[in-house]
Amino acid sequence: MAWKVLNMEHKTSDGFVIEVTSAYEKQDGPGYASELFSSVFEDVVGPDFIPYEDLTEEVVIGWVKEDLGPDAVIAAETSVDQLAAVKKQEIENPTIESGTPWT
């Protein structure tokens, strides 16, 4: 399971990040699930401003999680984890197959 930054939009004048597109992904054997998120940030440069070139994915994921809030983060992780497990089960133990019994 992993949080990932897929894209960031930032101002060219000062590097302020205005939007982050991110995802939470889970691979459970052959089962895979993900959920996308978009976080928009106000254009306010404060004392904790980090220059664009100094940003790390870890820092930006922290912003995303803070933007979503702890309850939404837990809900997203739980939902994606469960969906990946269901997809794994469906792949490993199919209840419907297609094709014909002859070759």
PDB file of N, CA and C in Angstrom:
ATOM      1  N   MET A   1       0.836  -1.171   0.000  1.00  0.00           N
ATOM      2  CA  MET A   1       0.000   0.000   0.000  1.00  0.00           C
ATOM      3  C   MET A   1       0.878   1.230   0.000  1.00  0.00           C
ATOM      4  N   ALA A   2       0.428   2.219  -0.729  1.00  0.00           N
ATOM      5  CA  ALA A   2       1.274   3.399  -0.832  1.00  0.00           C
ATOM      6  C   ALA A   2       0.485   4.623  -1.255  1.00  0.00           C
ATOM      7  N   TRP A   3       0.831   5.714  -0.677  1.00  0.00           N
ATOM      8  CA  TRP A   3       0.356   7.011  -1.141  1.00  0.00           C
ATOM      9  C   TRP A   3       1.370   7.502  -2.159  1.00  0.00           C
ATOM     10  N   LYS A   4       0.888   8.088  -3.252  1.00  0.00           N
ATOM     11  CA  LYS A   4       1.768   8.594  -4.295  1.00  0.00           C
ATOM     12  C   LYS A   4       1.289   9.951  -4.778  1.00  0.00           C
ATOM     13  N   VAL A   5       2.233  10.802  -5.113  1.00  0.00           N
ATOM     14  CA  VAL A   5       1.916  12.066  -5.767  1.00  0.00           C
ATOM     15  C   VAL A   5       1.983  11.810  -7.267  1.00  0.00           C
ATOM     16  N   LEU A   6       0.886  12.078  -7.960  1.00  0.00           N
ATOM     17  CA  LEU A   6       0.828  11.856  -9.395  1.00  0.00           C
ATOM     18  C   LEU A   6       1.178  13.109 -10.184  1.00  0.00           C
ATOM     19  N   ASN A   7       0.818  14.279  -9.637  1.00  0.00           N
ATOM     20  CA  ASN A   7       1.101  15.533 -10.330  1.00  0.00           C
ATOM     21  C   ASN A   7       0.961  16.697  -9.354  1.00  0.00           C
ATOM     22  N   MET A   8       1.694  17.761  -9.632  1.00  0.00           N
ATOM     23  CA  MET A   8       1.571  18.992  -8.847  1.00  0.00           C
ATOM     24  C   MET A   8       1.558  20.167  -9.800  1.00  0.00           C
ATOM     25  N   GLU A   9       0.681  21.129  -9.519  1.00  0.00           N
ATOM     26  CA  GLU A   9       0.697  22.397 -10.237  1.00  0.00           C
ATOM     27  C   GLU A   9       1.233  23.439  -9.282  1.00  0.00           C
ATOM     28  N   HIS A  10       2.163  24.260  -9.787  1.00  0.00           N
ATOM     29  CA  HIS A  10       2.748  25.287  -8.937  1.00  0.00           C
ATOM     30  C   HIS A  10       2.940  26.572  -9.734  1.00  0.00           C
ATOM     31  N   LYS A  11       3.024  27.660  -8.992  1.00  0.00           N
ATOM     32  CA  LYS A  11       3.258  28.964  -9.620  1.00  0.00           C
ATOM     33  C   LYS A  11       4.720  29.054 -10.037  1.00  0.00           C
ATOM     34  N   THR A  12       4.959  29.558 -11.231  1.00  0.00           N
ATOM     35  CA  THR A  12       6.337  29.696 -11.695  1.00  0.00           C
ATOM     36  C   THR A  12       7.052  30.852 -11.005  1.00  0.00           C
ATOM     37  N   SER A  13       6.306  31.814 -10.486  1.00  0.00           N
ATOM     38  CA  SER A  13       6.930  32.980  -9.865  1.00  0.00           C
ATOM     39  C   SER A  13       7.636  32.656  -8.551  1.00  0.00           C
ATOM     40  N   ASP A  14       7.008  31.813  -7.722  1.00  0.00           N
ATOM     41  CA  ASP A  14       7.621  31.533  -6.419  1.00  0.00           C
ATOM     42  C   ASP A  14       7.623  30.040  -6.061  1.00  0.00           C
ATOM     43  N   GLY A  15       7.080  29.190  -6.929  1.00  0.00           N
ATOM     44  CA  GLY A  15       7.074  27.757  -6.677  1.00  0.00           C
ATOM     45  C   GLY A  15       5.958  27.285  -5.768  1.00  0.00           C
ATOM     46  N   PHE A  16       5.034  28.184  -5.405  1.00  0.00           N
ATOM     47  CA  PHE A  16       3.949  27.805  -4.497  1.00  0.00           C
ATOM     48  C   PHE A  16       3.086  26.735  -5.155  1.00  0.00           C
ATOM     49  N   VAL A  17       2.884  25.632  -4.452  1.00  0.00           N
ATOM     50  CA  VAL A  17       2.073  24.525  -4.967  1.00  0.00           C
ATOM     51  C   VAL A  17       0.604  24.870  -4.743  1.00  0.00           C
ATOM     52  N   ILE A  18      -0.157  24.891  -5.850  1.00  0.00           N
ATOM     53  CA  ILE A  18      -1.566  25.246  -5.746  1.00  0.00           C
ATOM     54  C   ILE A  18      -2.491  24.030  -5.840  1.00  0.00           C
ATOM     55  N   GLU A  19      -2.016  22.939  -6.458  1.00  0.00           N
ATOM     56  CA  GLU A  19      -2.849  21.742  -6.550  1.00  0.00           C
ATOM     57  C   GLU A  19      -1.976  20.494  -6.621  1.00  0.00           C
ATOM     58  N   VAL A  20      -2.435  19.460  -5.913  1.00  0.00           N
ATOM     59  CA  VAL A  20      -1.745  18.171  -5.907  1.00  0.00           C
ATOM     60  C   VAL A  20      -2.760  17.096  -6.268  1.00  0.00           C
ATOM     61  N   THR A  21      -2.403  16.272  -7.242  1.00  0.00           N
ATOM     62  CA  THR A  21      -3.186  15.083  -7.564  1.00  0.00           C
ATOM     63  C   THR A  21      -2.419  13.900  -6.995  1.00  0.00           C
ATOM     64  N   SER A  22      -3.104  13.119  -6.176  1.00  0.00           N
ATOM     65  CA  SER A  22      -2.439  12.004  -5.504  1.00  0.00           C
ATOM     66  C   SER A  22      -3.331  10.768  -5.561  1.00  0.00           C
ATOM     67  N   ALA A  23      -2.760   9.651  -5.126  1.00  0.00           N
ATOM     68  CA  ALA A  23      -3.506   8.395  -5.093  1.00  0.00           C
ATOM     69  C   ALA A  23      -3.045   7.556  -3.919  1.00  0.00           C
ATOM     70  N   TYR A  24      -3.989   6.760  -3.433  1.00  0.00           N
ATOM     71  CA  TYR A  24      -3.652   5.706  -2.486  1.00  0.00           C
ATOM     72  C   TYR A  24      -3.863   4.407  -3.245  1.00  0.00           C
ATOM     73  N   GLU A  25      -2.833   3.560  -3.280  1.00  0.00           N
ATOM     74  CA  GLU A  25      -2.877   2.321  -4.052  1.00  0.00           C
ATOM     75  C   GLU A  25      -2.578   1.135  -3.148  1.00  0.00           C
ATOM     76  N   LYS A  26      -3.214  -0.002  -3.483  1.00  0.00           N
ATOM     77  CA  LYS A  26      -2.958  -1.238  -2.739  1.00  0.00           C
ATOM     78  C   LYS A  26      -2.870  -2.388  -3.735  1.00  0.00           C
ATOM     79  N   GLN A  27      -1.796  -3.143  -3.656  1.00  0.00           N
ATOM     80  CA  GLN A  27      -1.610  -4.364  -4.440  1.00  0.00           C
ATOM     81  C   GLN A  27      -1.659  -5.519  -3.458  1.00  0.00           C
ATOM     82  N   ASP A  28      -2.608  -6.428  -3.657  1.00  0.00           N
ATOM     83  CA  ASP A  28      -2.743  -7.609  -2.800  1.00  0.00           C
ATOM     84  C   ASP A  28      -2.660  -8.827  -3.712  1.00  0.00           C
ATOM     85  N   GLY A  29      -1.439  -9.318  -3.939  1.00  0.00           N
ATOM     86  CA  GLY A  29      -1.253 -10.386  -4.918  1.00  0.00           C
ATOM     87  C   GLY A  29      -1.733  -9.884  -6.266  1.00  0.00           C
ATOM     88  N   PRO A  30      -2.652 -10.604  -6.904  1.00  0.00           N
ATOM     89  CA  PRO A  30      -3.155 -10.143  -8.194  1.00  0.00           C
ATOM     90  C   PRO A  30      -4.230  -9.060  -8.064  1.00  0.00           C
ATOM     91  N   GLY A  31      -4.707  -8.803  -6.855  1.00  0.00           N
ATOM     92  CA  GLY A  31      -5.744  -7.790  -6.644  1.00  0.00           C
ATOM     93  C   GLY A  31      -5.142  -6.406  -6.498  1.00  0.00           C
ATOM     94  N   TYR A  32      -5.728  -5.454  -7.207  1.00  0.00           N
ATOM     95  CA  TYR A  32      -5.234  -4.082  -7.171  1.00  0.00           C
ATOM     96  C   TYR A  32      -6.415  -3.128  -7.062  1.00  0.00           C
ATOM     97  N   ALA A  33      -6.237  -2.067  -6.272  1.00  0.00           N
ATOM     98  CA  ALA A  33      -7.246  -1.020  -6.168  1.00  0.00           C
ATOM     99  C   ALA A  33      -6.549   0.303  -5.880  1.00  0.00           C
ATOM    100  N   SER A  34      -7.204   1.397  -6.251  1.00  0.00           N
ATOM    101  CA  SER A  34      -6.654   2.719  -5.960  1.00  0.00           C
ATOM    102  C   SER A  34      -7.778   3.740  -5.887  1.00  0.00           C
ATOM    103  N   GLU A  35      -7.478   4.859  -5.271  1.00  0.00           N
ATOM    104  CA  GLU A  35      -8.409   5.981  -5.210  1.00  0.00           C
ATOM    105  C   GLU A  35      -7.605   7.249  -5.456  1.00  0.00           C
ATOM    106  N   LEU A  36      -8.153   8.146  -6.275  1.00  0.00           N
ATOM    107  CA  LEU A  36      -7.493   9.398  -6.619  1.00  0.00           C
ATOM    108  C   LEU A  36      -8.017  10.534  -5.751  1.00  0.00           C
ATOM    109  N   PHE A  37      -7.155  11.510  -5.506  1.00  0.00           N
ATOM    110  CA  PHE A  37      -7.506  12.672  -4.707  1.00  0.00           C
ATOM    111  C   PHE A  37      -6.942  13.931  -5.356  1.00  0.00           C
ATOM    112  N   SER A  38      -7.637  15.030  -5.170  1.00  0.00           N
ATOM    113  CA  SER A  38      -7.155  16.325  -5.640  1.00  0.00           C
ATOM    114  C   SER A  38      -7.217  17.283  -4.455  1.00  0.00           C
ATOM    115  N   SER A  39      -6.093  17.879  -4.126  1.00  0.00           N
ATOM    116  CA  SER A  39      -6.014  18.834  -3.025  1.00  0.00           C
ATOM    117  C   SER A  39      -5.622  20.189  -3.587  1.00  0.00           C
ATOM    118  N   VAL A  40      -6.387  21.205  -3.244  1.00  0.00           N
ATOM    119  CA  VAL A  40      -6.121  22.569  -3.695  1.00  0.00           C
ATOM    120  C   VAL A  40      -5.693  23.379  -2.481  1.00  0.00           C
ATOM    121  N   PHE A  41      -4.620  24.151  -2.652  1.00  0.00           N
ATOM    122  CA  PHE A  41      -4.064  24.912  -1.543  1.00  0.00           C
ATOM    123  C   PHE A  41      -4.162  26.410  -1.811  1.00  0.00           C
ATOM    124  N   GLU A  42      -4.451  27.163  -0.732  1.00  0.00           N
ATOM    125  CA  GLU A  42      -4.556  28.611  -0.835  1.00  0.00           C
ATOM    126  C   GLU A  42      -3.189  29.215  -1.089  1.00  0.00           C
ATOM    127  N   ASP A  43      -3.187  30.261  -1.858  1.00  0.00           N
ATOM    128  CA  ASP A  43      -1.943  30.934  -2.243  1.00  0.00           C
ATOM    129  C   ASP A  43      -1.486  31.875  -1.126  1.00  0.00           C
ATOM    130  N   VAL A  44      -1.035  31.270  -0.029  1.00  0.00           N
ATOM    131  CA  VAL A  44      -0.557  32.041   1.116  1.00  0.00           C
ATOM    132  C   VAL A  44       0.814  31.499   1.503  1.00  0.00           C
ATOM    133  N   VAL A  45       1.836  32.292   1.298  1.00  0.00           N
ATOM    134  CA  VAL A  45       3.193  31.885   1.656  1.00  0.00           C
ATOM    135  C   VAL A  45       3.412  32.250   3.120  1.00  0.00           C
ATOM    136  N   GLY A  46       3.616  31.223   3.945  1.00  0.00           N
ATOM    137  CA  GLY A  46       3.795  31.450   5.375  1.00  0.00           C
ATOM    138  C   GLY A  46       5.219  31.150   5.808  1.00  0.00           C
ATOM    139  N   PRO A  47       5.447  31.161   7.110  1.00  0.00           N
ATOM    140  CA  PRO A  47       6.799  30.937   7.643  1.00  0.00           C
ATOM    141  C   PRO A  47       7.312  29.510   7.395  1.00  0.00           C
ATOM    142  N   ASP A  48       6.421  28.571   7.145  1.00  0.00           N
ATOM    143  CA  ASP A  48       6.830  27.182   6.910  1.00  0.00           C
ATOM    144  C   ASP A  48       6.998  26.870   5.426  1.00  0.00           C
ATOM    145  N   PHE A  49       7.016  27.893   4.588  1.00  0.00           N
ATOM    146  CA  PHE A  49       7.121  27.706   3.133  1.00  0.00           C
ATOM    147  C   PHE A  49       8.401  26.939   2.787  1.00  0.00           C
ATOM    148  N   ILE A  50       8.233  25.909   1.961  1.00  0.00           N
ATOM    149  CA  ILE A  50       9.375  25.120   1.486  1.00  0.00           C
ATOM    150  C   ILE A  50       9.539  25.410  -0.002  1.00  0.00           C
ATOM    151  N   PRO A  51      10.706  25.832  -0.441  1.00  0.00           N
ATOM    152  CA  PRO A  51      10.910  26.087  -1.868  1.00  0.00           C
ATOM    153  C   PRO A  51      10.580  24.839  -2.697  1.00  0.00           C
ATOM    154  N   TYR A  52       9.999  25.061  -3.869  1.00  0.00           N
ATOM    155  CA  TYR A  52       9.551  23.969  -4.726  1.00  0.00           C
ATOM    156  C   TYR A  52      10.644  22.927  -4.942  1.00  0.00           C
ATOM    157  N   GLU A  53      11.853  23.373  -5.222  1.00  0.00           N
ATOM    158  CA  GLU A  53      12.947  22.443  -5.519  1.00  0.00           C
ATOM    159  C   GLU A  53      13.389  21.622  -4.298  1.00  0.00           C
ATOM    160  N   ASP A  54      12.945  22.024  -3.103  1.00  0.00           N
ATOM    161  CA  ASP A  54      13.298  21.300  -1.883  1.00  0.00           C
ATOM    162  C   ASP A  54      12.200  20.340  -1.408  1.00  0.00           C
ATOM    163  N   LEU A  55      11.065  20.319  -2.110  1.00  0.00           N
ATOM    164  CA  LEU A  55       9.956  19.449  -1.706  1.00  0.00           C
ATOM    165  C   LEU A  55      10.302  17.990  -1.946  1.00  0.00           C
ATOM    166  N   THR A  56       9.766  17.135  -1.073  1.00  0.00           N
ATOM    167  CA  THR A  56       9.880  15.689  -1.251  1.00  0.00           C
ATOM    168  C   THR A  56       8.462  15.123  -1.329  1.00  0.00           C
ATOM    169  N   GLU A  57       8.348  13.916  -1.873  1.00  0.00           N
ATOM    170  CA  GLU A  57       7.035  13.289  -1.944  1.00  0.00           C
ATOM    171  C   GLU A  57       6.471  13.092  -0.543  1.00  0.00           C
ATOM    172  N   GLU A  58       7.309  12.768   0.403  1.00  0.00           N
ATOM    173  CA  GLU A  58       6.869  12.574   1.791  1.00  0.00           C
ATOM    174  C   GLU A  58       6.219  13.836   2.354  1.00  0.00           C
ATOM    175  N   VAL A  59       6.831  14.990   2.116  1.00  0.00           N
ATOM    176  CA  VAL A  59       6.278  16.267   2.594  1.00  0.00           C
ATOM    177  C   VAL A  59       4.925  16.531   1.942  1.00  0.00           C
ATOM    178  N   VAL A  60       4.848  16.349   0.621  1.00  0.00           N
ATOM    179  CA  VAL A  60       3.613  16.643  -0.106  1.00  0.00           C
ATOM    180  C   VAL A  60       2.499  15.679   0.302  1.00  0.00           C
ATOM    181  N   ILE A  61       2.819  14.408   0.507  1.00  0.00           N
ATOM    182  CA  ILE A  61       1.818  13.453   0.987  1.00  0.00           C
ATOM    183  C   ILE A  61       1.305  13.885   2.365  1.00  0.00           C
ATOM    184  N   GLY A  62       2.175  14.429   3.187  1.00  0.00           N
ATOM    185  CA  GLY A  62       1.750  14.969   4.482  1.00  0.00           C
ATOM    186  C   GLY A  62       0.723  16.074   4.305  1.00  0.00           C
ATOM    187  N   TRP A  63       0.941  16.951   3.322  1.00  0.00           N
ATOM    188  CA  TRP A  63      -0.031  18.019   3.035  1.00  0.00           C
ATOM    189  C   TRP A  63      -1.363  17.423   2.604  1.00  0.00           C
ATOM    190  N   VAL A  64      -1.296  16.432   1.723  1.00  0.00           N
ATOM    191  CA  VAL A  64      -2.515  15.796   1.212  1.00  0.00           C
ATOM    192  C   VAL A  64      -3.305  15.178   2.359  1.00  0.00           C
ATOM    193  N   LYS A  65      -2.625  14.430   3.207  1.00  0.00           N
ATOM    194  CA  LYS A  65      -3.306  13.783   4.330  1.00  0.00           C
ATOM    195  C   LYS A  65      -3.892  14.819   5.285  1.00  0.00           C
ATOM    196  N   GLU A  66      -3.182  15.903   5.507  1.00  0.00           N
ATOM    197  CA  GLU A  66      -3.695  16.977   6.367  1.00  0.00           C
ATOM    198  C   GLU A  66      -4.926  17.615   5.725  1.00  0.00           C
ATOM    199  N   ASP A  67      -4.871  17.809   4.406  1.00  0.00           N
ATOM    200  CA  ASP A  67      -5.999  18.388   3.676  1.00  0.00           C
ATOM    201  C   ASP A  67      -7.228  17.486   3.769  1.00  0.00           C
ATOM    202  N   LEU A  68      -7.035  16.180   3.629  1.00  0.00           N
ATOM    203  CA  LEU A  68      -8.149  15.234   3.695  1.00  0.00           C
ATOM    204  C   LEU A  68      -8.692  15.083   5.111  1.00  0.00           C
ATOM    205  N   GLY A  69      -7.813  15.116   6.082  1.00  0.00           N
ATOM    206  CA  GLY A  69      -8.207  14.900   7.475  1.00  0.00           C
ATOM    207  C   GLY A  69      -8.040  13.435   7.843  1.00  0.00           C
ATOM    208  N   PRO A  70      -7.784  13.161   9.118  1.00  0.00           N
ATOM    209  CA  PRO A  70      -7.483  11.788   9.541  1.00  0.00           C
ATOM    210  C   PRO A  70      -8.609  10.796   9.275  1.00  0.00           C
ATOM    211  N   ASP A  71      -9.861  11.199   9.450  1.00  0.00           N
ATOM    212  CA  ASP A  71     -10.971  10.271   9.223  1.00  0.00           C
ATOM    213  C   ASP A  71     -11.069   9.876   7.755  1.00  0.00           C
ATOM    214  N   ALA A  72     -10.893  10.827   6.846  1.00  0.00           N
ATOM    215  CA  ALA A  72     -10.963  10.534   5.410  1.00  0.00           C
ATOM    216  C   ALA A  72      -9.782   9.677   4.968  1.00  0.00           C
ATOM    217  N   VAL A  73      -8.611   9.901   5.549  1.00  0.00           N
ATOM    218  CA  VAL A  73      -7.432   9.079   5.221  1.00  0.00           C
ATOM    219  C   VAL A  73      -7.678   7.634   5.627  1.00  0.00           C
ATOM    220  N   ILE A  74      -8.161   7.429   6.841  1.00  0.00           N
ATOM    221  CA  ILE A  74      -8.446   6.068   7.327  1.00  0.00           C
ATOM    222  C   ILE A  74      -9.530   5.421   6.467  1.00  0.00           C
ATOM    223  N   ALA A  75     -10.577   6.167   6.139  1.00  0.00           N
ATOM    224  CA  ALA A  75     -11.667   5.618   5.328  1.00  0.00           C
ATOM    225  C   ALA A  75     -11.170   5.218   3.941  1.00  0.00           C
ATOM    226  N   ALA A  76     -10.345   6.058   3.325  1.00  0.00           N
ATOM    227  CA  ALA A  76      -9.816   5.754   1.988  1.00  0.00           C
ATOM    228  C   ALA A  76      -8.917   4.532   2.025  1.00  0.00           C
ATOM    229  N   GLU A  77      -8.019   4.473   2.993  1.00  0.00           N
ATOM    230  CA  GLU A  77      -7.109   3.332   3.096  1.00  0.00           C
ATOM    231  C   GLU A  77      -7.889   2.034   3.348  1.00  0.00           C
ATOM    232  N   THR A  78      -8.871   2.095   4.214  1.00  0.00           N
ATOM    233  CA  THR A  78      -9.674   0.910   4.513  1.00  0.00           C
ATOM    234  C   THR A  78     -10.448   0.451   3.281  1.00  0.00           C
ATOM    235  N   SER A  79     -11.075   1.390   2.599  1.00  0.00           N
ATOM    236  CA  SER A  79     -11.868   1.068   1.412  1.00  0.00           C
ATOM    237  C   SER A  79     -11.012   0.455   0.302  1.00  0.00           C
ATOM    238  N   VAL A  80      -9.869   1.072   0.019  1.00  0.00           N
ATOM    239  CA  VAL A  80      -8.985   0.579  -1.042  1.00  0.00           C
ATOM    240  C   VAL A  80      -8.397  -0.782  -0.657  1.00  0.00           C
ATOM    241  N   ASP A  81      -7.989  -0.946   0.588  1.00  0.00           N
ATOM    242  CA  ASP A  81      -7.449  -2.231   1.048  1.00  0.00           C
ATOM    243  C   ASP A  81      -8.488  -3.344   0.891  1.00  0.00           C
ATOM    244  N   GLN A  82      -9.729  -3.056   1.274  1.00  0.00           N
ATOM    245  CA  GLN A  82     -10.796  -4.056   1.157  1.00  0.00           C
ATOM    246  C   GLN A  82     -11.093  -4.383  -0.300  1.00  0.00           C
ATOM    247  N   LEU A  83     -11.125  -3.367  -1.164  1.00  0.00           N
ATOM    248  CA  LEU A  83     -11.401  -3.593  -2.578  1.00  0.00           C
ATOM    249  C   LEU A  83     -10.300  -4.438  -3.219  1.00  0.00           C
ATOM    250  N   ALA A  84      -9.052  -4.181  -2.875  1.00  0.00           N
ATOM    251  CA  ALA A  84      -7.946  -4.980  -3.408  1.00  0.00           C
ATOM    252  C   ALA A  84      -8.081  -6.436  -2.967  1.00  0.00           C
ATOM    253  N   ALA A  85      -8.483  -6.663  -1.720  1.00  0.00           N
ATOM    254  CA  ALA A  85      -8.673  -8.031  -1.219  1.00  0.00           C
ATOM    255  C   ALA A  85      -9.820  -8.725  -1.958  1.00  0.00           C
ATOM    256  N   VAL A  86     -10.899  -7.999  -2.225  1.00  0.00           N
ATOM    257  CA  VAL A  86     -12.032  -8.565  -2.962  1.00  0.00           C
ATOM    258  C   VAL A  86     -11.616  -8.926  -4.382  1.00  0.00           C
ATOM    259  N   LYS A  87     -10.880  -8.026  -5.024  1.00  0.00           N
ATOM    260  CA  LYS A  87     -10.423  -8.300  -6.391  1.00  0.00           C
ATOM    261  C   LYS A  87      -9.481  -9.501  -6.423  1.00  0.00           C
ATOM    262  N   LYS A  88      -8.624  -9.618  -5.421  1.00  0.00           N
ATOM    263  CA  LYS A  88      -7.735 -10.780  -5.329  1.00  0.00           C
ATOM    264  C   LYS A  88      -8.564 -12.058  -5.241  1.00  0.00           C
ATOM    265  N   GLN A  89      -9.559 -12.048  -4.375  1.00  0.00           N
ATOM    266  CA  GLN A  89     -10.421 -13.212  -4.190  1.00  0.00           C
ATOM    267  C   GLN A  89     -11.140 -13.565  -5.494  1.00  0.00           C
ATOM    268  N   GLU A  90     -11.639 -12.558  -6.208  1.00  0.00           N
ATOM    269  CA  GLU A  90     -12.344 -12.787  -7.475  1.00  0.00           C
ATOM    270  C   GLU A  90     -11.424 -13.390  -8.529  1.00  0.00           C
ATOM    271  N   ILE A  91     -10.173 -12.959  -8.551  1.00  0.00           N
ATOM    272  CA  ILE A  91      -9.213 -13.472  -9.535  1.00  0.00           C
ATOM    273  C   ILE A  91      -8.799 -14.904  -9.182  1.00  0.00           C
ATOM    274  N   GLU A  92      -8.520 -15.129  -7.908  1.00  0.00           N
ATOM    275  CA  GLU A  92      -8.035 -16.440  -7.483  1.00  0.00           C
ATOM    276  C   GLU A  92      -9.140 -17.493  -7.403  1.00  0.00           C
ATOM    277  N   ASN A  93     -10.366 -17.076  -7.181  1.00  0.00           N
ATOM    278  CA  ASN A  93     -11.492 -18.002  -7.041  1.00  0.00           C
ATOM    279  C   ASN A  93     -12.691 -17.482  -7.835  1.00  0.00           C
ATOM    280  N   PRO A  94     -12.601 -17.494  -9.159  1.00  0.00           N
ATOM    281  CA  PRO A  94     -13.693 -16.926  -9.966  1.00  0.00           C
ATOM    282  C   PRO A  94     -14.987 -17.720  -9.803  1.00  0.00           C
ATOM    283  N   THR A  95     -16.092 -16.997  -9.829  1.00  0.00           N
ATOM    284  CA  THR A  95     -17.404 -17.639  -9.764  1.00  0.00           C
ATOM    285  C   THR A  95     -18.042 -17.709 -11.145  1.00  0.00           C
ATOM    286  N   ILE A  96     -17.497 -16.989 -12.101  1.00  0.00           N
ATOM    287  CA  ILE A  96     -17.976 -16.998 -13.482  1.00  0.00           C
ATOM    288  C   ILE A  96     -16.762 -17.059 -14.401  1.00  0.00           C
ATOM    289  N   GLU A  97     -16.843 -17.902 -15.394  1.00  0.00           N
ATOM    290  CA  GLU A  97     -15.793 -17.977 -16.405  1.00  0.00           C
ATOM    291  C   GLU A  97     -16.438 -17.932 -17.778  1.00  0.00           C
ATOM    292  N   SER A  98     -15.680 -17.566 -18.765  1.00  0.00           N
ATOM    293  CA  SER A  98     -16.201 -17.558 -20.137  1.00  0.00           C
ATOM    294  C   SER A  98     -15.389 -18.534 -20.993  1.00  0.00           C
ATOM    295  N   GLY A  99     -15.939 -18.863 -22.128  1.00  0.00           N
ATOM    296  CA  GLY A  99     -15.245 -19.772 -23.029  1.00  0.00           C
ATOM    297  C   GLY A  99     -16.120 -20.960 -23.361  1.00  0.00           C
ATOM    298  N   THR A 100     -15.503 -21.981 -23.936  1.00  0.00           N
ATOM    299  CA  THR A 100     -16.198 -23.218 -24.291  1.00  0.00           C
ATOM    300  C   THR A 100     -15.407 -24.400 -23.753  1.00  0.00           C
ATOM    301  N   PRO A 101     -16.064 -25.541 -23.534  1.00  0.00           N
ATOM    302  CA  PRO A 101     -15.362 -26.690 -22.980  1.00  0.00           C
ATOM    303  C   PRO A 101     -14.522 -27.444 -24.027  1.00  0.00           C
ATOM    304  N   TRP A 102     -14.566 -27.053 -25.271  1.00  0.00           N
ATOM    305  CA  TRP A 102     -13.770 -27.723 -26.309  1.00  0.00           C
ATOM    306  C   TRP A 102     -12.729 -26.759 -26.872  1.00  0.00           C
ATOM    307  N   THR A 103     -11.751 -27.276 -27.486  1.00  0.00           N
ATOM    308  CA  THR A 103     -10.699 -26.468 -28.080  1.00  0.00           C
ATOM    309  C   THR A 103     -10.824 -26.325 -29.559  1.00  0.00           C
TER     310      THR A 103
END
